[in-house]
Amino acid sequence: MKFKQVPIERFDHSILIQHCVRVDIKRDDLLHPVVSGNKLYKLHYNLEAFVSGDYKTLVTFGGAYSNHLHALAYAGNELDVPTVGIIRGEQLLPLNPTLKDCVNWGMVLEPVSRGVYRQKERDDEVKGILSNYDKPFLVPEGGGNALGVKGASLMLASVNQADYDFIVVASGTGATVAGIIYASVPSVEVIGVATLKGAGWMAQEVRDHLLSLSCHKTNWRINCDYHFGGYGKKNAELDEFVCKIGNENGLLIEPIYTGKALYALLDLVNKGEIEKGSRVLFIHTGGMQGARK
């Protein structure tokens, strides 16, 4: 798969002007009209492995608004192969726009309870579901395996890292930020903004991903202060921020991932944790399913 060049655009905001910080946004949300941003990158090597191996069915996991689930269903439709989505939560009807797309692209939805979903890697019910499908290739939730991390590393392929002191990106499972760390130069600090509550585990998850690729870099950190109550949670302040960025900057973001990460970036600048005069690359990871109604 050949990735098209996406623009890197200057982002202007009063906080940045006040603190003399330059922020550029890498617009990976413009990478593809359907499968945008990090989801496409993380599927890259997984799909290569599926096509080159003795597999017949693409299987993955996700919630009802999962960008990853949506991306894999689209990719399966394009490849003309069966796809299966094991969905968190028993109640799916009426289908939301994300799941409607998945079904329209041929994905079979297999809802399981949240308890089963939490134990999905070893649960007997999930194993039983997998046994019903021909030669399944299992892509983890969010594309979070070594192939996904290696794919995410391609997000920096076109970036001149000498232009930056920091790279900031939203993090849901740790795979995307691990890929960016893997591809980063030591002089750049990578900040992953955790978008879910209680994400103290994420730093170890990132370390494990990096170790799987024999990478021992230390130029990174996970910030867990901007989850706004948890995954998919938001408040009036975040909603107002997302709306204001859209209206004043013409930048479409959502409150699940990119909205929280961009809010975090501006707050870190305001607090001086990103120092005066710094040059920052913010990666817009796409994935707008959370903004759909």
C-alpha atoms as a PDB file:
ATOM      1  CA  MET A   1       0.000   0.000   0.000  1.00  0.00           C
ATOM      2  CA  LYS A   2       1.387   3.390  -0.983  1.00  0.00           C
ATOM      3  CA  PHE A   3       0.473   6.275   1.302  1.00  0.00           C
ATOM      4  CA  LYS A   4      -0.223   9.644  -0.237  1.00  0.00           C
ATOM      5  CA  GLN A   5       1.529  12.754   1.020  1.00  0.00           C
ATOM      6  CA  VAL A   6      -0.623  14.683   3.500  1.00  0.00           C
ATOM      7  CA  PRO A   7      -0.153  18.368   4.336  1.00  0.00           C
ATOM      8  CA  ILE A   8       1.591  19.641   7.450  1.00  0.00           C
ATOM      9  CA  GLU A   9      -0.182  22.862   8.373  1.00  0.00           C
ATOM     10  CA  ARG A  10       0.676  25.655  10.806  1.00  0.00           C
ATOM     11  CA  PHE A  11      -1.766  25.889  13.705  1.00  0.00           C
ATOM     12  CA  ASP A  12      -2.399  29.310  15.211  1.00  0.00           C
ATOM     13  CA  HIS A  13      -3.854  29.877  18.661  1.00  0.00           C
ATOM     14  CA  SER A  14      -3.607  32.708  21.198  1.00  0.00           C
ATOM     15  CA  ILE A  15      -1.942  30.421  23.772  1.00  0.00           C
ATOM     16  CA  LEU A  16       0.777  29.491  21.273  1.00  0.00           C
ATOM     17  CA  ILE A  17       1.394  33.127  20.354  1.00  0.00           C
ATOM     18  CA  GLN A  18       1.576  34.098  24.022  1.00  0.00           C
ATOM     19  CA  HIS A  19       4.192  31.425  24.778  1.00  0.00           C
ATOM     20  CA  CYS A  20       6.092  31.648  21.487  1.00  0.00           C
ATOM     21  CA  VAL A  21       5.452  27.995  20.660  1.00  0.00           C
ATOM     22  CA  ARG A  22       5.113  26.835  17.062  1.00  0.00           C
ATOM     23  CA  VAL A  23       2.708  23.993  16.319  1.00  0.00           C
ATOM     24  CA  ASP A  24       2.337  22.192  13.007  1.00  0.00           C
ATOM     25  CA  ILE A  25      -0.420  19.651  12.434  1.00  0.00           C
ATOM     26  CA  LYS A  26       0.198  16.596  10.277  1.00  0.00           C
ATOM     27  CA  ARG A  27      -3.170  16.031   8.620  1.00  0.00           C
ATOM     28  CA  ASP A  28      -3.374  12.264   8.548  1.00  0.00           C
ATOM     29  CA  ASP A  29      -7.143  12.704   8.728  1.00  0.00           C
ATOM     30  CA  LEU A  30      -6.834  13.536   5.001  1.00  0.00           C
ATOM     31  CA  LEU A  31      -4.996  10.318   4.170  1.00  0.00           C
ATOM     32  CA  HIS A  32      -8.093   8.553   2.822  1.00  0.00           C
ATOM     33  CA  PRO A  33     -11.763   9.557   2.552  1.00  0.00           C
ATOM     34  CA  VAL A  34     -12.919   6.540   4.607  1.00  0.00           C
ATOM     35  CA  VAL A  35      -9.964   4.843   6.333  1.00  0.00           C
ATOM     36  CA  SER A  36      -8.134   7.875   7.636  1.00  0.00           C
ATOM     37  CA  GLY A  37      -5.137   8.387   9.832  1.00  0.00           C
ATOM     38  CA  ASN A  38      -3.530   5.883  12.136  1.00  0.00           C
ATOM     39  CA  LYS A  39      -6.082   3.135  11.418  1.00  0.00           C
ATOM     40  CA  LEU A  40      -4.907   2.807   7.834  1.00  0.00           C
ATOM     41  CA  TYR A  41      -1.259   2.744   8.904  1.00  0.00           C
ATOM     42  CA  LYS A  42      -1.881   0.106  11.575  1.00  0.00           C
ATOM     43  CA  LEU A  43      -3.740  -2.099   9.109  1.00  0.00           C
ATOM     44  CA  HIS A  44      -0.981  -1.866   6.496  1.00  0.00           C
ATOM     45  CA  TYR A  45       1.245  -4.775   7.581  1.00  0.00           C
ATOM     46  CA  ASN A  46      -1.670  -6.730   9.056  1.00  0.00           C
ATOM     47  CA  LEU A  47      -3.376  -6.783   5.674  1.00  0.00           C
ATOM     48  CA  GLU A  48      -0.106  -7.739   3.999  1.00  0.00           C
ATOM     49  CA  ALA A  49       0.192 -10.699   6.393  1.00  0.00           C
ATOM     50  CA  PHE A  50      -3.416 -11.704   5.715  1.00  0.00           C
ATOM     51  CA  VAL A  51      -3.026 -11.605   1.940  1.00  0.00           C
ATOM     52  CA  SER A  52       0.295 -13.469   1.941  1.00  0.00           C
ATOM     53  CA  GLY A  53      -0.799 -16.132   4.451  1.00  0.00           C
ATOM     54  CA  ASP A  54      -3.220 -19.046   4.384  1.00  0.00           C
ATOM     55  CA  TYR A  55      -6.193 -17.078   5.710  1.00  0.00           C
ATOM     56  CA  LYS A  56      -9.764 -16.591   4.562  1.00  0.00           C
ATOM     57  CA  THR A  57     -11.498 -14.347   7.122  1.00  0.00           C
ATOM     58  CA  LEU A  58     -10.480 -11.060   8.773  1.00  0.00           C
ATOM     59  CA  VAL A  59     -11.590 -10.866  12.404  1.00  0.00           C
ATOM     60  CA  THR A  60     -11.196  -8.042  14.892  1.00  0.00           C
ATOM     61  CA  PHE A  61     -12.625  -6.472  18.056  1.00  0.00           C
ATOM     62  CA  GLY A  62     -14.147  -3.103  18.819  1.00  0.00           C
ATOM     63  CA  GLY A  63     -16.825  -1.013  20.440  1.00  0.00           C
ATOM     64  CA  ALA A  64     -19.920   0.298  18.713  1.00  0.00           C
ATOM     65  CA  TYR A  65     -18.139   3.467  17.514  1.00  0.00           C
ATOM     66  CA  SER A  66     -14.758   1.892  16.807  1.00  0.00           C
ATOM     67  CA  ASN A  67     -12.733   3.632  14.108  1.00  0.00           C
ATOM     68  CA  HIS A  68     -10.622   0.485  13.791  1.00  0.00           C
ATOM     69  CA  LEU A  69     -13.660  -1.750  13.280  1.00  0.00           C
ATOM     70  CA  HIS A  70     -14.983   0.627  10.637  1.00  0.00           C
ATOM     71  CA  ALA A  71     -11.621   0.694   8.856  1.00  0.00           C
ATOM     72  CA  LEU A  72     -11.221  -3.079   8.809  1.00  0.00           C
ATOM     73  CA  ALA A  73     -14.761  -3.589   7.476  1.00  0.00           C
ATOM     74  CA  TYR A  74     -14.024  -1.168   4.644  1.00  0.00           C
ATOM     75  CA  ALA A  75     -10.676  -2.843   3.883  1.00  0.00           C
ATOM     76  CA  GLY A  76     -12.330  -6.273   3.788  1.00  0.00           C
ATOM     77  CA  ASN A  77     -14.931  -4.996   1.364  1.00  0.00           C
ATOM     78  CA  GLU A  78     -12.201  -3.560  -0.869  1.00  0.00           C
ATOM     79  CA  LEU A  79     -10.292  -6.866  -0.757  1.00  0.00           C
ATOM     80  CA  ASP A  80     -13.529  -8.849  -1.259  1.00  0.00           C
ATOM     81  CA  VAL A  81     -12.893 -11.022   1.803  1.00  0.00           C
ATOM     82  CA  PRO A  82     -15.229 -11.879   4.705  1.00  0.00           C
ATOM     83  CA  THR A  83     -14.899  -9.785   7.867  1.00  0.00           C
ATOM     84  CA  VAL A  84     -16.141 -10.397  11.399  1.00  0.00           C
ATOM     85  CA  GLY A  85     -16.390  -7.844  14.192  1.00  0.00           C
ATOM     86  CA  ILE A  86     -16.611  -9.065  17.787  1.00  0.00           C
ATOM     87  CA  ILE A  87     -18.436  -6.160  19.402  1.00  0.00           C
ATOM     88  CA  ARG A  88     -18.330  -4.996  23.022  1.00  0.00           C
ATOM     89  CA  GLY A  89     -21.889  -5.012  24.401  1.00  0.00           C
ATOM     90  CA  GLU A  90     -24.859  -7.259  23.672  1.00  0.00           C
ATOM     91  CA  GLN A  91     -27.310  -4.590  22.505  1.00  0.00           C
ATOM     92  CA  LEU A  92     -26.553  -3.350  18.990  1.00  0.00           C
ATOM     93  CA  LEU A  93     -30.003  -2.446  17.661  1.00  0.00           C
ATOM     94  CA  PRO A  94     -30.759   0.010  16.310  1.00  0.00           C
ATOM     95  CA  LEU A  95     -27.416   0.095  14.544  1.00  0.00           C
ATOM     96  CA  ASN A  96     -25.540   3.366  14.779  1.00  0.00           C
ATOM     97  CA  PRO A  97     -23.993   4.897  11.605  1.00  0.00           C
ATOM     98  CA  THR A  98     -20.623   3.222  12.249  1.00  0.00           C
ATOM     99  CA  LEU A  99     -22.085  -0.273  12.533  1.00  0.00           C
ATOM    100  CA  LYS A 100     -24.468   0.356   9.618  1.00  0.00           C
ATOM    101  CA  ASP A 101     -21.427   1.025   7.436  1.00  0.00           C
ATOM    102  CA  CYS A 102     -19.747  -2.150   8.695  1.00  0.00           C
ATOM    103  CA  VAL A 103     -22.801  -4.274   7.877  1.00  0.00           C
ATOM    104  CA  ASN A 104     -23.217  -2.618   4.476  1.00  0.00           C
ATOM    105  CA  TRP A 105     -19.599  -3.532   3.719  1.00  0.00           C
ATOM    106  CA  GLY A 106     -20.343  -7.168   4.552  1.00  0.00           C
ATOM    107  CA  MET A 107     -19.061  -7.449   8.107  1.00  0.00           C
ATOM    108  CA  VAL A 108     -20.737 -10.011  10.363  1.00  0.00           C
ATOM    109  CA  LEU A 109     -21.267  -8.561  13.844  1.00  0.00           C
ATOM    110  CA  GLU A 110     -20.802 -10.849  16.845  1.00  0.00           C
ATOM    111  CA  PRO A 111     -21.835  -8.996  20.016  1.00  0.00           C
ATOM    112  CA  VAL A 112     -20.561 -10.269  23.365  1.00  0.00           C
ATOM    113  CA  SER A 113     -21.068  -9.065  26.924  1.00  0.00           C
ATOM    114  CA  ARG A 114     -18.661  -6.547  28.366  1.00  0.00           C
ATOM    115  CA  GLY A 115     -17.429  -9.187  30.792  1.00  0.00           C
ATOM    116  CA  VAL A 116     -16.606 -11.583  27.974  1.00  0.00           C
ATOM    117  CA  TYR A 117     -15.046  -8.747  25.982  1.00  0.00           C
ATOM    118  CA  ARG A 118     -12.682  -7.872  28.827  1.00  0.00           C
ATOM    119  CA  GLN A 119     -11.349 -11.443  28.699  1.00  0.00           C
ATOM    120  CA  LYS A 120     -11.519 -11.699  24.904  1.00  0.00           C
ATOM    121  CA  GLU A 121      -8.006 -13.094  24.370  1.00  0.00           C
ATOM    122  CA  ARG A 122      -8.802 -16.206  26.429  1.00  0.00           C
ATOM    123  CA  ASP A 123     -12.580 -16.438  26.744  1.00  0.00           C
ATOM    124  CA  ASP A 124     -14.220 -19.684  25.597  1.00  0.00           C
ATOM    125  CA  GLU A 125     -17.169 -17.848  24.044  1.00  0.00           C
ATOM    126  CA  VAL A 126     -14.810 -15.851  21.833  1.00  0.00           C
ATOM    127  CA  LYS A 127     -12.900 -19.012  20.930  1.00  0.00           C
ATOM    128  CA  GLY A 128     -16.222 -20.581  19.949  1.00  0.00           C
ATOM    129  CA  ILE A 129     -17.056 -17.635  17.708  1.00  0.00           C
ATOM    130  CA  LEU A 130     -13.670 -17.863  15.989  1.00  0.00           C
ATOM    131  CA  SER A 131     -14.161 -21.591  15.366  1.00  0.00           C
ATOM    132  CA  ASN A 132     -17.229 -20.796  13.228  1.00  0.00           C
ATOM    133  CA  TYR A 133     -15.177 -18.995  10.577  1.00  0.00           C
ATOM    134  CA  ASP A 134     -12.851 -20.293   7.906  1.00  0.00           C
ATOM    135  CA  LYS A 135      -9.129 -19.724   8.551  1.00  0.00           C
ATOM    136  CA  PRO A 136      -9.494 -16.519  10.587  1.00  0.00           C
ATOM    137  CA  PHE A 137      -6.740 -13.896  10.758  1.00  0.00           C
ATOM    138  CA  LEU A 138      -7.156 -12.068  14.046  1.00  0.00           C
ATOM    139  CA  VAL A 139      -6.283  -8.371  14.207  1.00  0.00           C
ATOM    140  CA  PRO A 140      -6.271  -7.161  17.835  1.00  0.00           C
ATOM    141  CA  GLU A 141      -8.437  -4.296  19.068  1.00  0.00           C
ATOM    142  CA  GLY A 142      -7.148  -1.045  17.613  1.00  0.00           C
ATOM    143  CA  GLY A 143      -4.605  -2.904  15.467  1.00  0.00           C
ATOM    144  CA  GLY A 144      -2.482  -3.212  18.596  1.00  0.00           C
ATOM    145  CA  ASN A 145       0.101  -5.818  17.626  1.00  0.00           C
ATOM    146  CA  ALA A 146       3.704  -5.679  16.389  1.00  0.00           C
ATOM    147  CA  LEU A 147       2.475  -5.372  12.801  1.00  0.00           C
ATOM    148  CA  GLY A 148       0.256  -2.456  13.800  1.00  0.00           C
ATOM    149  CA  VAL A 149       3.080  -0.720  15.652  1.00  0.00           C
ATOM    150  CA  LYS A 150       5.399  -1.183  12.694  1.00  0.00           C
ATOM    151  CA  GLY A 151       2.692   0.278  10.448  1.00  0.00           C
ATOM    152  CA  ALA A 152       2.194   3.265  12.759  1.00  0.00           C
ATOM    153  CA  SER A 153       5.914   4.015  12.499  1.00  0.00           C
ATOM    154  CA  LEU A 154       5.303   4.940   8.851  1.00  0.00           C
ATOM    155  CA  MET A 155       3.441   8.032  10.039  1.00  0.00           C
ATOM    156  CA  LEU A 156       6.784   9.826  10.412  1.00  0.00           C
ATOM    157  CA  ALA A 157       8.260   8.696   7.092  1.00  0.00           C
ATOM    158  CA  SER A 158       7.646  12.053   5.395  1.00  0.00           C
ATOM    159  CA  VAL A 159       8.444  14.240   8.434  1.00  0.00           C
ATOM    160  CA  ASN A 160      11.689  16.178   8.823  1.00  0.00           C
ATOM    161  CA  GLN A 161      12.091  15.570  12.540  1.00  0.00           C
ATOM    162  CA  ALA A 162      14.928  18.092  12.782  1.00  0.00           C
ATOM    163  CA  ASP A 163      12.184  20.749  12.627  1.00  0.00           C
ATOM    164  CA  TYR A 164      10.631  19.669  15.942  1.00  0.00           C
ATOM    165  CA  ASP A 165      11.282  19.342  19.663  1.00  0.00           C
ATOM    166  CA  PHE A 166       8.050  17.514  20.530  1.00  0.00           C
ATOM    167  CA  ILE A 167       5.564  15.204  18.826  1.00  0.00           C
ATOM    168  CA  VAL A 168       2.110  15.005  20.426  1.00  0.00           C
ATOM    169  CA  VAL A 169      -0.505  12.385  19.575  1.00  0.00           C
ATOM    170  CA  ALA A 170      -3.655  10.855  21.078  1.00  0.00           C
ATOM    171  CA  SER A 171      -3.310   7.349  22.488  1.00  0.00           C
ATOM    172  CA  GLY A 172      -6.055   4.783  23.015  1.00  0.00           C
ATOM    173  CA  THR A 173      -4.206   1.468  23.163  1.00  0.00           C
ATOM    174  CA  GLY A 174      -0.580   2.583  22.973  1.00  0.00           C
ATOM    175  CA  ALA A 175       0.145   1.043  19.563  1.00  0.00           C
ATOM    176  CA  THR A 176       0.171   4.292  17.590  1.00  0.00           C
ATOM    177  CA  VAL A 177       2.391   6.161  20.037  1.00  0.00           C
ATOM    178  CA  ALA A 178       4.713   3.131  20.189  1.00  0.00           C
ATOM    179  CA  GLY A 179       5.076   3.226  16.413  1.00  0.00           C
ATOM    180  CA  ILE A 180       5.852   6.931  16.491  1.00  0.00           C
ATOM    181  CA  ILE A 181       8.444   6.433  19.236  1.00  0.00           C
ATOM    182  CA  TYR A 182       9.979   3.593  17.214  1.00  0.00           C
ATOM    183  CA  ALA A 183      10.425   5.923  14.223  1.00  0.00           C
ATOM    184  CA  SER A 184      11.426   9.000  16.244  1.00  0.00           C
ATOM    185  CA  VAL A 185      14.876  10.520  16.548  1.00  0.00           C
ATOM    186  CA  PRO A 186      16.315  10.798  20.101  1.00  0.00           C
ATOM    187  CA  SER A 187      16.249  14.616  20.077  1.00  0.00           C
ATOM    188  CA  VAL A 188      12.436  14.687  19.804  1.00  0.00           C
ATOM    189  CA  GLU A 189      10.235  13.978  22.833  1.00  0.00           C
ATOM    190  CA  VAL A 190       7.056  12.038  22.038  1.00  0.00           C
ATOM    191  CA  ILE A 191       4.021  12.726  24.232  1.00  0.00           C
ATOM    192  CA  GLY A 192       1.125  10.301  24.048  1.00  0.00           C
ATOM    193  CA  VAL A 193      -2.111  11.696  25.484  1.00  0.00           C
ATOM    194  CA  ALA A 194      -4.144   8.870  27.015  1.00  0.00           C
ATOM    195  CA  THR A 195      -7.808   9.248  26.096  1.00  0.00           C
ATOM    196  CA  LEU A 196      -9.207   6.861  28.692  1.00  0.00           C
ATOM    197  CA  LYS A 197      -9.332   6.896  32.475  1.00  0.00           C
ATOM    198  CA  GLY A 198      -6.994   4.802  34.603  1.00  0.00           C
ATOM    199  CA  ALA A 199      -4.440   4.413  31.818  1.00  0.00           C
ATOM    200  CA  GLY A 200      -1.476   3.862  34.119  1.00  0.00           C
ATOM    201  CA  TRP A 201      -0.996   0.549  32.316  1.00  0.00           C
ATOM    202  CA  MET A 202      -0.414   2.251  28.974  1.00  0.00           C
ATOM    203  CA  ALA A 203       3.252   3.110  29.530  1.00  0.00           C
ATOM    204  CA  GLN A 204       4.042  -0.572  30.112  1.00  0.00           C
ATOM    205  CA  GLU A 205       2.005  -1.505  27.051  1.00  0.00           C
ATOM    206  CA  VAL A 206       4.107   0.918  25.003  1.00  0.00           C
ATOM    207  CA  ARG A 207       7.322  -0.532  26.463  1.00  0.00           C
ATOM    208  CA  ASP A 208       6.174  -4.045  25.563  1.00  0.00           C
ATOM    209  CA  HIS A 209       5.387  -2.959  22.005  1.00  0.00           C
ATOM    210  CA  LEU A 210       8.812  -1.348  21.690  1.00  0.00           C
ATOM    211  CA  LEU A 211      10.599  -4.384  23.131  1.00  0.00           C
ATOM    212  CA  SER A 212       8.838  -6.593  20.570  1.00  0.00           C
ATOM    213  CA  LEU A 213      10.707  -4.524  17.975  1.00  0.00           C
ATOM    214  CA  SER A 214      13.970  -4.505  19.996  1.00  0.00           C
ATOM    215  CA  CYS A 215      13.570  -0.784  20.647  1.00  0.00           C
ATOM    216  CA  HIS A 216      14.781   0.722  23.936  1.00  0.00           C
ATOM    217  CA  LYS A 217      14.170   4.433  23.385  1.00  0.00           C
ATOM    218  CA  THR A 218      13.367   6.638  26.380  1.00  0.00           C
ATOM    219  CA  ASN A 219      12.419   9.902  24.625  1.00  0.00           C
ATOM    220  CA  TRP A 220       8.740   9.609  25.435  1.00  0.00           C
ATOM    221  CA  ARG A 221       6.018   9.859  28.060  1.00  0.00           C
ATOM    222  CA  ILE A 222       2.334   9.089  28.455  1.00  0.00           C
ATOM    223  CA  ASN A 223       0.183  11.851  29.921  1.00  0.00           C
ATOM    224  CA  CYS A 224      -2.929  10.547  31.693  1.00  0.00           C
ATOM    225  CA  ASP A 225      -4.429  13.885  32.797  1.00  0.00           C
ATOM    226  CA  TYR A 226      -6.769  14.641  29.896  1.00  0.00           C
ATOM    227  CA  HIS A 227      -9.251  11.762  29.707  1.00  0.00           C
ATOM    228  CA  PHE A 228     -12.260  13.960  30.692  1.00  0.00           C
ATOM    229  CA  GLY A 229     -13.766  11.124  32.717  1.00  0.00           C
ATOM    230  CA  GLY A 230     -12.896   8.145  30.548  1.00  0.00           C
ATOM    231  CA  TYR A 231     -13.042   6.701  27.055  1.00  0.00           C
ATOM    232  CA  GLY A 232     -15.841   8.325  25.106  1.00  0.00           C
ATOM    233  CA  LYS A 233     -16.530  10.700  27.998  1.00  0.00           C
ATOM    234  CA  LYS A 234     -16.630  14.461  27.570  1.00  0.00           C
ATOM    235  CA  ASN A 235     -18.017  17.591  29.142  1.00  0.00           C
ATOM    236  CA  ALA A 236     -19.297  20.990  28.052  1.00  0.00           C
ATOM    237  CA  GLU A 237     -15.777  22.456  28.120  1.00  0.00           C
ATOM    238  CA  LEU A 238     -14.427  19.834  25.722  1.00  0.00           C
ATOM    239  CA  ASP A 239     -17.459  20.117  23.446  1.00  0.00           C
ATOM    240  CA  GLU A 240     -17.013  23.885  23.325  1.00  0.00           C
ATOM    241  CA  PHE A 241     -13.299  23.492  22.584  1.00  0.00           C
ATOM    242  CA  VAL A 242     -13.901  21.059  19.709  1.00  0.00           C
ATOM    243  CA  CYS A 243     -16.575  23.332  18.235  1.00  0.00           C
ATOM    244  CA  LYS A 244     -14.406  26.434  18.596  1.00  0.00           C
ATOM    245  CA  ILE A 245     -11.420  24.808  16.862  1.00  0.00           C
ATOM    246  CA  GLY A 246     -13.713  23.837  13.999  1.00  0.00           C
ATOM    247  CA  ASN A 247     -15.247  27.280  13.677  1.00  0.00           C
ATOM    248  CA  GLU A 248     -12.148  29.419  14.189  1.00  0.00           C
ATOM    249  CA  ASN A 249      -9.415  27.220  12.693  1.00  0.00           C
ATOM    250  CA  GLY A 250     -11.432  25.223  10.168  1.00  0.00           C
ATOM    251  CA  LEU A 251     -10.030  22.043  11.705  1.00  0.00           C
ATOM    252  CA  LEU A 252     -12.473  19.173  12.109  1.00  0.00           C
ATOM    253  CA  ILE A 253     -11.717  17.201  15.277  1.00  0.00           C
ATOM    254  CA  GLU A 254     -13.781  14.976  17.581  1.00  0.00           C
ATOM    255  CA  PRO A 255     -13.967  14.680  21.382  1.00  0.00           C
ATOM    256  CA  ILE A 256     -12.830  11.049  21.669  1.00  0.00           C
ATOM    257  CA  TYR A 257      -9.203  11.252  20.538  1.00  0.00           C
ATOM    258  CA  THR A 258      -7.913  14.309  18.691  1.00  0.00           C
ATOM    259  CA  GLY A 259      -9.978  16.806  20.657  1.00  0.00           C
ATOM    260  CA  LYS A 260      -8.558  15.628  23.970  1.00  0.00           C
ATOM    261  CA  ALA A 261      -4.999  15.512  22.628  1.00  0.00           C
ATOM    262  CA  LEU A 262      -5.137  19.023  21.151  1.00  0.00           C
ATOM    263  CA  TYR A 263      -6.685  20.384  24.348  1.00  0.00           C
ATOM    264  CA  ALA A 264      -3.838  18.711  26.269  1.00  0.00           C
ATOM    265  CA  LEU A 265      -1.210  20.232  23.999  1.00  0.00           C
ATOM    266  CA  LEU A 266      -2.479  23.772  24.516  1.00  0.00           C
ATOM    267  CA  ASP A 267      -2.778  23.255  28.272  1.00  0.00           C
ATOM    268  CA  LEU A 268       0.762  21.846  28.510  1.00  0.00           C
ATOM    269  CA  VAL A 269       2.020  24.913  26.651  1.00  0.00           C
ATOM    270  CA  ASN A 270       0.045  27.183  28.971  1.00  0.00           C
ATOM    271  CA  LYS A 271       1.533  25.442  32.032  1.00  0.00           C
ATOM    272  CA  GLY A 272       5.067  25.654  30.657  1.00  0.00           C
ATOM    273  CA  GLU A 273       5.501  21.880  30.438  1.00  0.00           C
ATOM    274  CA  ILE A 274       6.136  22.452  26.753  1.00  0.00           C
ATOM    275  CA  GLU A 275       8.691  25.209  27.014  1.00  0.00           C
ATOM    276  CA  LYS A 276       8.666  28.644  25.449  1.00  0.00           C
ATOM    277  CA  GLY A 277      10.152  28.596  21.954  1.00  0.00           C
ATOM    278  CA  SER A 278       9.420  24.894  21.394  1.00  0.00           C
ATOM    279  CA  ARG A 279       8.531  23.489  17.997  1.00  0.00           C
ATOM    280  CA  VAL A 280       5.762  20.901  18.130  1.00  0.00           C
ATOM    281  CA  LEU A 281       4.330  18.446  15.623  1.00  0.00           C
ATOM    282  CA  PHE A 282       0.754  17.450  16.450  1.00  0.00           C
ATOM    283  CA  ILE A 283      -0.517  14.408  14.572  1.00  0.00           C
ATOM    284  CA  HIS A 284      -4.185  14.447  13.615  1.00  0.00           C
ATOM    285  CA  THR A 285      -4.923  10.730  13.633  1.00  0.00           C
ATOM    286  CA  GLY A 286      -8.270  10.977  11.858  1.00  0.00           C
ATOM    287  CA  GLY A 287     -10.952   8.559  13.004  1.00  0.00           C
ATOM    288  CA  MET A 288     -14.086  10.664  13.126  1.00  0.00           C
ATOM    289  CA  GLN A 289     -16.617   7.944  14.074  1.00  0.00           C
ATOM    290  CA  GLY A 290     -17.004   9.455  17.546  1.00  0.00           C
ATOM    291  CA  ALA A 291     -18.386  12.632  15.950  1.00  0.00           C
ATOM    292  CA  ARG A 292     -21.170  10.820  14.064  1.00  0.00           C
ATOM    293  CA  LYS A 293     -24.720  10.658  15.355  1.00  0.00           C
END
